Amino acid sequence: MSRKKIGIRFAEAMVAGSSEPYWTEPEIAIGELDGPVGQAMANLMGQSAGFSRLFALVDGDKMVKPATLMVPKMQLKKMVDVNVFAGPVQAGIAEGVLDAVEAGLIPKARCEDIGIICMVWVHPDLCKEPANIDYNEVYSNNRKAMKLAIEKALKGKPTIKELLAEDRRKPRHFTFDPKTKKWSV
């Protein structure tokens, strides 16, 4: 990524967990803070009941760079939902951003100029039994997925050529079983 404007780029990345509630899929918009991403981040800073937005933090008062605003894709109804979202998910997203910087996907010199909006999913079943949550897996999966989402956004993956080259005669969605031809939704 050079000094030229990147404008706004979008991507998502899915990382499978040990069971369905541990799957994660951050969806991101990344771009300059003085462009559409920065404007959207400023607009999103307001709160709405159950859908609190928060910055990705590496620790209690250390916001990750580039600035990353996390937006839940589900309602945070109970305190355990908030604790998971603002704990291992937040830390995993922040470290995934730093992993992308460390890997050279985002140049260190651009970290003050770029912002990321990250919509984040936490499966509702994950928080049904708080004592049984593997918080380390939640953290690890979000970390891996965030770095991958940034890489896909900045490299334009998948390309339209790749998408059109695949066999499109049947659904390719992860909730579709091609053997049984049934959807698991």
C-alpha atoms as a PDB file:
ATOM      1  CA  MET A   1       0.000   0.000   0.000  1.00  0.00           C
ATOM      2  CA  SER A   2       1.666   3.194  -1.162  1.00  0.00           C
ATOM      3  CA  ARG A   3       1.169   6.801  -0.083  1.00  0.00           C
ATOM      4  CA  LYS A   4      -1.547   7.249  -2.695  1.00  0.00           C
ATOM      5  CA  LYS A   5      -5.113   7.415  -1.427  1.00  0.00           C
ATOM      6  CA  ILE A   6      -6.797   4.054  -1.006  1.00  0.00           C
ATOM      7  CA  GLY A   7     -10.229   5.639  -0.618  1.00  0.00           C
ATOM      8  CA  ILE A   8     -12.364   2.907   0.840  1.00  0.00           C
ATOM      9  CA  ARG A   9     -11.981  -0.850   0.578  1.00  0.00           C
ATOM     10  CA  PHE A  10     -14.141  -3.613   1.945  1.00  0.00           C
ATOM     11  CA  ALA A  11     -13.559  -7.233   2.941  1.00  0.00           C
ATOM     12  CA  GLU A  12     -14.533 -10.000   5.291  1.00  0.00           C
ATOM     13  CA  ALA A  13     -12.781 -13.063   6.574  1.00  0.00           C
ATOM     14  CA  MET A  14     -14.146 -16.148   8.236  1.00  0.00           C
ATOM     15  CA  VAL A  15     -12.202 -18.266  10.682  1.00  0.00           C
ATOM     16  CA  ALA A  16     -13.683 -21.574  11.775  1.00  0.00           C
ATOM     17  CA  GLY A  17     -13.771 -22.359  15.459  1.00  0.00           C
ATOM     18  CA  SER A  18     -13.737 -25.655  17.313  1.00  0.00           C
ATOM     19  CA  SER A  19     -17.549 -25.476  17.215  1.00  0.00           C
ATOM     20  CA  GLU A  20     -20.068 -23.160  15.565  1.00  0.00           C
ATOM     21  CA  PRO A  21     -20.255 -20.561  18.362  1.00  0.00           C
ATOM     22  CA  TYR A  22     -16.505 -19.975  18.003  1.00  0.00           C
ATOM     23  CA  TRP A  23     -16.619 -19.091  14.310  1.00  0.00           C
ATOM     24  CA  THR A  24     -15.876 -15.455  13.642  1.00  0.00           C
ATOM     25  CA  GLU A  25     -16.311 -13.211  10.621  1.00  0.00           C
ATOM     26  CA  PRO A  26     -15.214  -9.579  10.861  1.00  0.00           C
ATOM     27  CA  GLU A  27     -16.418  -7.435   7.976  1.00  0.00           C
ATOM     28  CA  ILE A  28     -14.377  -4.302   7.439  1.00  0.00           C
ATOM     29  CA  ALA A  29     -14.170  -0.982   5.663  1.00  0.00           C
ATOM     30  CA  ILE A  30     -10.672   0.489   5.576  1.00  0.00           C
ATOM     31  CA  GLY A  31      -9.499   3.823   4.254  1.00  0.00           C
ATOM     32  CA  GLU A  32      -8.146   7.264   5.048  1.00  0.00           C
ATOM     33  CA  LEU A  33      -9.455   9.120   8.076  1.00  0.00           C
ATOM     34  CA  ASP A  34      -9.871  12.252   5.940  1.00  0.00           C
ATOM     35  CA  GLY A  35     -12.176  10.363   3.557  1.00  0.00           C
ATOM     36  CA  PRO A  36     -15.388   8.325   3.691  1.00  0.00           C
ATOM     37  CA  VAL A  37     -14.084   5.877   6.324  1.00  0.00           C
ATOM     38  CA  GLY A  38     -13.190   8.674   8.743  1.00  0.00           C
ATOM     39  CA  GLN A  39     -16.576  10.318   8.207  1.00  0.00           C
ATOM     40  CA  ALA A  40     -18.378   7.021   8.766  1.00  0.00           C
ATOM     41  CA  MET A  41     -16.358   6.367  11.936  1.00  0.00           C
ATOM     42  CA  ALA A  42     -17.310   9.765  13.335  1.00  0.00           C
ATOM     43  CA  ASN A  43     -20.980   9.137  12.487  1.00  0.00           C
ATOM     44  CA  LEU A  44     -20.913   5.694  14.114  1.00  0.00           C
ATOM     45  CA  MET A  45     -19.565   6.946  17.443  1.00  0.00           C
ATOM     46  CA  GLY A  46     -23.084   7.481  18.784  1.00  0.00           C
ATOM     47  CA  GLN A  47     -24.521   4.640  20.823  1.00  0.00           C
ATOM     48  CA  SER A  48     -27.809   2.807  20.455  1.00  0.00           C
ATOM     49  CA  ALA A  49     -29.364   0.394  22.942  1.00  0.00           C
ATOM     50  CA  GLY A  50     -27.630  -2.974  22.765  1.00  0.00           C
ATOM     51  CA  PHE A  51     -25.371  -2.004  19.870  1.00  0.00           C
ATOM     52  CA  SER A  52     -22.497  -0.200  21.584  1.00  0.00           C
ATOM     53  CA  ARG A  53     -19.617   0.718  19.346  1.00  0.00           C
ATOM     54  CA  LEU A  54     -16.154   0.832  20.787  1.00  0.00           C
ATOM     55  CA  PHE A  55     -12.592   1.292  19.681  1.00  0.00           C
ATOM     56  CA  ALA A  56     -10.366  -1.760  19.486  1.00  0.00           C
ATOM     57  CA  LEU A  57      -7.992  -1.566  22.427  1.00  0.00           C
ATOM     58  CA  VAL A  58      -4.816  -3.486  23.095  1.00  0.00           C
ATOM     59  CA  ASP A  59      -5.287  -2.736  26.784  1.00  0.00           C
ATOM     60  CA  GLY A  60      -7.467  -0.546  28.991  1.00  0.00           C
ATOM     61  CA  ASP A  61      -6.284   2.759  27.599  1.00  0.00           C
ATOM     62  CA  LYS A  62      -4.234   1.825  24.530  1.00  0.00           C
ATOM     63  CA  MET A  63      -6.214   2.254  21.330  1.00  0.00           C
ATOM     64  CA  VAL A  64      -4.818   0.267  18.439  1.00  0.00           C
ATOM     65  CA  LYS A  65      -3.379   2.073  15.428  1.00  0.00           C
ATOM     66  CA  PRO A  66      -4.775   2.413  12.839  1.00  0.00           C
ATOM     67  CA  ALA A  67      -7.845   3.493  14.800  1.00  0.00           C
ATOM     68  CA  THR A  68     -10.394   0.692  14.573  1.00  0.00           C
ATOM     69  CA  LEU A  69     -14.059   1.099  15.484  1.00  0.00           C
ATOM     70  CA  MET A  70     -15.859  -2.127  16.370  1.00  0.00           C
ATOM     71  CA  VAL A  71     -19.584  -2.383  15.606  1.00  0.00           C
ATOM     72  CA  PRO A  72     -21.488  -5.438  16.891  1.00  0.00           C
ATOM     73  CA  LYS A  73     -23.578  -7.323  14.336  1.00  0.00           C
ATOM     74  CA  MET A  74     -25.867  -8.571  17.101  1.00  0.00           C
ATOM     75  CA  GLN A  75     -27.487  -7.056  20.133  1.00  0.00           C
ATOM     76  CA  LEU A  76     -25.493  -7.197  23.352  1.00  0.00           C
ATOM     77  CA  LYS A  77     -28.326  -8.177  25.703  1.00  0.00           C
ATOM     78  CA  LYS A  78     -26.551  -9.479  28.799  1.00  0.00           C
ATOM     79  CA  MET A  79     -23.414  -8.482  30.660  1.00  0.00           C
ATOM     80  CA  VAL A  80     -21.681 -11.663  29.498  1.00  0.00           C
ATOM     81  CA  ASP A  81     -22.273 -10.554  25.878  1.00  0.00           C
ATOM     82  CA  VAL A  82     -20.648  -7.201  26.671  1.00  0.00           C
ATOM     83  CA  ASN A  83     -17.753  -8.877  28.497  1.00  0.00           C
ATOM     84  CA  VAL A  84     -17.007 -11.200  25.575  1.00  0.00           C
ATOM     85  CA  PHE A  85     -17.296  -8.382  23.002  1.00  0.00           C
ATOM     86  CA  ALA A  86     -15.274  -5.876  25.058  1.00  0.00           C
ATOM     87  CA  GLY A  87     -12.793  -8.493  26.236  1.00  0.00           C
ATOM     88  CA  PRO A  88     -11.334 -11.260  24.070  1.00  0.00           C
ATOM     89  CA  VAL A  89     -13.070 -10.100  20.876  1.00  0.00           C
ATOM     90  CA  GLN A  90     -11.813  -6.525  21.296  1.00  0.00           C
ATOM     91  CA  ALA A  91      -8.288  -7.663  22.172  1.00  0.00           C
ATOM     92  CA  GLY A  92      -8.223 -10.155  19.285  1.00  0.00           C
ATOM     93  CA  ILE A  93      -9.374  -7.538  16.773  1.00  0.00           C
ATOM     94  CA  ALA A  94      -6.742  -5.078  18.052  1.00  0.00           C
ATOM     95  CA  GLU A  95      -3.929  -7.626  17.820  1.00  0.00           C
ATOM     96  CA  GLY A  96      -5.101  -8.649  14.340  1.00  0.00           C
ATOM     97  CA  VAL A  97      -4.712  -5.018  13.260  1.00  0.00           C
ATOM     98  CA  LEU A  98      -1.208  -4.919  14.732  1.00  0.00           C
ATOM     99  CA  ASP A  99      -0.395  -8.243  13.035  1.00  0.00           C
ATOM    100  CA  ALA A 100      -1.363  -6.618   9.701  1.00  0.00           C
ATOM    101  CA  VAL A 101       0.962  -3.681  10.436  1.00  0.00           C
ATOM    102  CA  GLU A 102       3.766  -6.010  11.513  1.00  0.00           C
ATOM    103  CA  ALA A 103       3.322  -8.036   8.293  1.00  0.00           C
ATOM    104  CA  GLY A 104       3.656  -4.860   6.217  1.00  0.00           C
ATOM    105  CA  LEU A 105       0.087  -4.927   4.938  1.00  0.00           C
ATOM    106  CA  ILE A 106      -0.390  -1.485   6.489  1.00  0.00           C
ATOM    107  CA  PRO A 107       2.799   0.577   6.502  1.00  0.00           C
ATOM    108  CA  LYS A 108       3.721   1.953   9.928  1.00  0.00           C
ATOM    109  CA  ALA A 109       3.978   5.428   8.399  1.00  0.00           C
ATOM    110  CA  ARG A 110       0.272   5.288   7.426  1.00  0.00           C
ATOM    111  CA  CYS A 111      -1.113   4.199  10.819  1.00  0.00           C
ATOM    112  CA  GLU A 112      -2.175   7.719  11.824  1.00  0.00           C
ATOM    113  CA  ASP A 113      -3.896   8.343   8.463  1.00  0.00           C
ATOM    114  CA  ILE A 114      -6.010   5.208   8.142  1.00  0.00           C
ATOM    115  CA  GLY A 115      -9.119   4.032   9.958  1.00  0.00           C
ATOM    116  CA  ILE A 116     -10.954   0.730  10.058  1.00  0.00           C
ATOM    117  CA  ILE A 117     -14.602   0.025  10.751  1.00  0.00           C
ATOM    118  CA  CYS A 118     -15.074  -3.574  11.812  1.00  0.00           C
ATOM    119  CA  MET A 119     -18.479  -5.191  12.103  1.00  0.00           C
ATOM    120  CA  VAL A 120     -18.097  -8.132  14.471  1.00  0.00           C
ATOM    121  CA  TRP A 121     -20.238 -11.197  15.102  1.00  0.00           C
ATOM    122  CA  VAL A 122     -20.436 -13.054  18.402  1.00  0.00           C
ATOM    123  CA  HIS A 123     -22.664 -16.123  18.160  1.00  0.00           C
ATOM    124  CA  PRO A 124     -25.552 -15.895  20.663  1.00  0.00           C
ATOM    125  CA  ASP A 125     -24.970 -19.509  21.766  1.00  0.00           C
ATOM    126  CA  LEU A 126     -21.428 -18.660  22.862  1.00  0.00           C
ATOM    127  CA  CYS A 127     -22.662 -16.775  25.922  1.00  0.00           C
ATOM    128  CA  LYS A 128     -25.355 -19.237  27.027  1.00  0.00           C
ATOM    129  CA  GLU A 129     -22.971 -20.939  29.464  1.00  0.00           C
ATOM    130  CA  PRO A 130     -20.416 -18.291  30.531  1.00  0.00           C
ATOM    131  CA  ALA A 131     -18.455 -20.720  32.700  1.00  0.00           C
ATOM    132  CA  ASN A 132     -17.725 -22.882  29.641  1.00  0.00           C
ATOM    133  CA  ILE A 133     -16.513 -20.191  27.246  1.00  0.00           C
ATOM    134  CA  ASP A 134     -13.010 -20.691  25.895  1.00  0.00           C
ATOM    135  CA  TYR A 135     -12.014 -17.014  25.933  1.00  0.00           C
ATOM    136  CA  ASN A 136      -8.595 -17.819  24.465  1.00  0.00           C
ATOM    137  CA  GLU A 137     -10.197 -19.361  21.373  1.00  0.00           C
ATOM    138  CA  VAL A 138     -12.494 -16.336  20.997  1.00  0.00           C
ATOM    139  CA  TYR A 139      -9.413 -14.092  21.134  1.00  0.00           C
ATOM    140  CA  SER A 140      -7.315 -16.220  18.760  1.00  0.00           C
ATOM    141  CA  ASN A 141     -10.040 -16.632  16.132  1.00  0.00           C
ATOM    142  CA  ASN A 142     -10.811 -12.903  16.055  1.00  0.00           C
ATOM    143  CA  ARG A 143      -7.108 -12.065  15.811  1.00  0.00           C
ATOM    144  CA  LYS A 144      -6.580 -14.376  12.830  1.00  0.00           C
ATOM    145  CA  ALA A 145      -9.766 -13.284  11.077  1.00  0.00           C
ATOM    146  CA  MET A 146      -9.038  -9.575  11.461  1.00  0.00           C
ATOM    147  CA  LYS A 147      -5.574  -9.827   9.931  1.00  0.00           C
ATOM    148  CA  LEU A 148      -7.000 -11.892   7.085  1.00  0.00           C
ATOM    149  CA  ALA A 149      -9.829  -9.394   6.463  1.00  0.00           C
ATOM    150  CA  ILE A 150      -7.316  -6.532   6.242  1.00  0.00           C
ATOM    151  CA  GLU A 151      -5.140  -8.525   3.856  1.00  0.00           C
ATOM    152  CA  LYS A 152      -8.124  -9.348   1.637  1.00  0.00           C
ATOM    153  CA  ALA A 153      -9.273  -5.711   1.591  1.00  0.00           C
ATOM    154  CA  LEU A 154      -5.898  -4.282   0.693  1.00  0.00           C
ATOM    155  CA  LYS A 155      -5.104  -6.959  -1.906  1.00  0.00           C
ATOM    156  CA  GLY A 156      -8.575  -6.871  -3.489  1.00  0.00           C
ATOM    157  CA  LYS A 157      -9.319 -10.515  -2.708  1.00  0.00           C
ATOM    158  CA  PRO A 158     -11.146 -12.347  -3.953  1.00  0.00           C
ATOM    159  CA  THR A 159     -10.893 -10.844  -7.411  1.00  0.00           C
ATOM    160  CA  ILE A 160     -13.871 -10.842  -9.751  1.00  0.00           C
ATOM    161  CA  LYS A 161     -11.869 -13.138 -12.046  1.00  0.00           C
ATOM    162  CA  GLU A 162     -11.489 -15.678  -9.210  1.00  0.00           C
ATOM    163  CA  LEU A 163     -15.178 -15.497  -8.324  1.00  0.00           C
ATOM    164  CA  LEU A 164     -16.348 -15.978 -11.912  1.00  0.00           C
ATOM    165  CA  ALA A 165     -13.915 -18.858 -12.499  1.00  0.00           C
ATOM    166  CA  GLU A 166     -15.542 -21.009  -9.808  1.00  0.00           C
ATOM    167  CA  ASP A 167     -18.290 -23.531 -10.546  1.00  0.00           C
ATOM    168  CA  ARG A 168     -21.461 -21.465 -10.082  1.00  0.00           C
ATOM    169  CA  ARG A 169     -24.009 -24.134 -11.058  1.00  0.00           C
ATOM    170  CA  LYS A 170     -24.865 -24.736  -7.407  1.00  0.00           C
ATOM    171  CA  PRO A 171     -24.609 -22.633  -4.249  1.00  0.00           C
ATOM    172  CA  ARG A 172     -21.117 -22.286  -2.779  1.00  0.00           C
ATOM    173  CA  HIS A 173     -22.235 -20.932   0.571  1.00  0.00           C
ATOM    174  CA  PHE A 174     -20.886 -22.442   3.791  1.00  0.00           C
ATOM    175  CA  THR A 175     -24.443 -23.171   5.005  1.00  0.00           C
ATOM    176  CA  PHE A 176     -25.163 -25.275   1.895  1.00  0.00           C
ATOM    177  CA  ASP A 177     -24.234 -28.970   1.849  1.00  0.00           C
ATOM    178  CA  PRO A 178     -23.574 -29.939  -1.794  1.00  0.00           C
ATOM    179  CA  LYS A 179     -23.920 -33.655  -0.986  1.00  0.00           C
ATOM    180  CA  THR A 180     -27.411 -33.402   0.485  1.00  0.00           C
ATOM    181  CA  LYS A 181     -28.302 -30.237  -1.460  1.00  0.00           C
ATOM    182  CA  LYS A 182     -29.729 -28.810   1.759  1.00  0.00           C
ATOM    183  CA  TRP A 183     -29.195 -25.571   3.619  1.00  0.00           C
ATOM    184  CA  SER A 184     -28.308 -25.706   7.322  1.00  0.00           C
ATOM    185  CA  VAL A 185     -30.058 -22.488   8.243  1.00  0.00           C
END
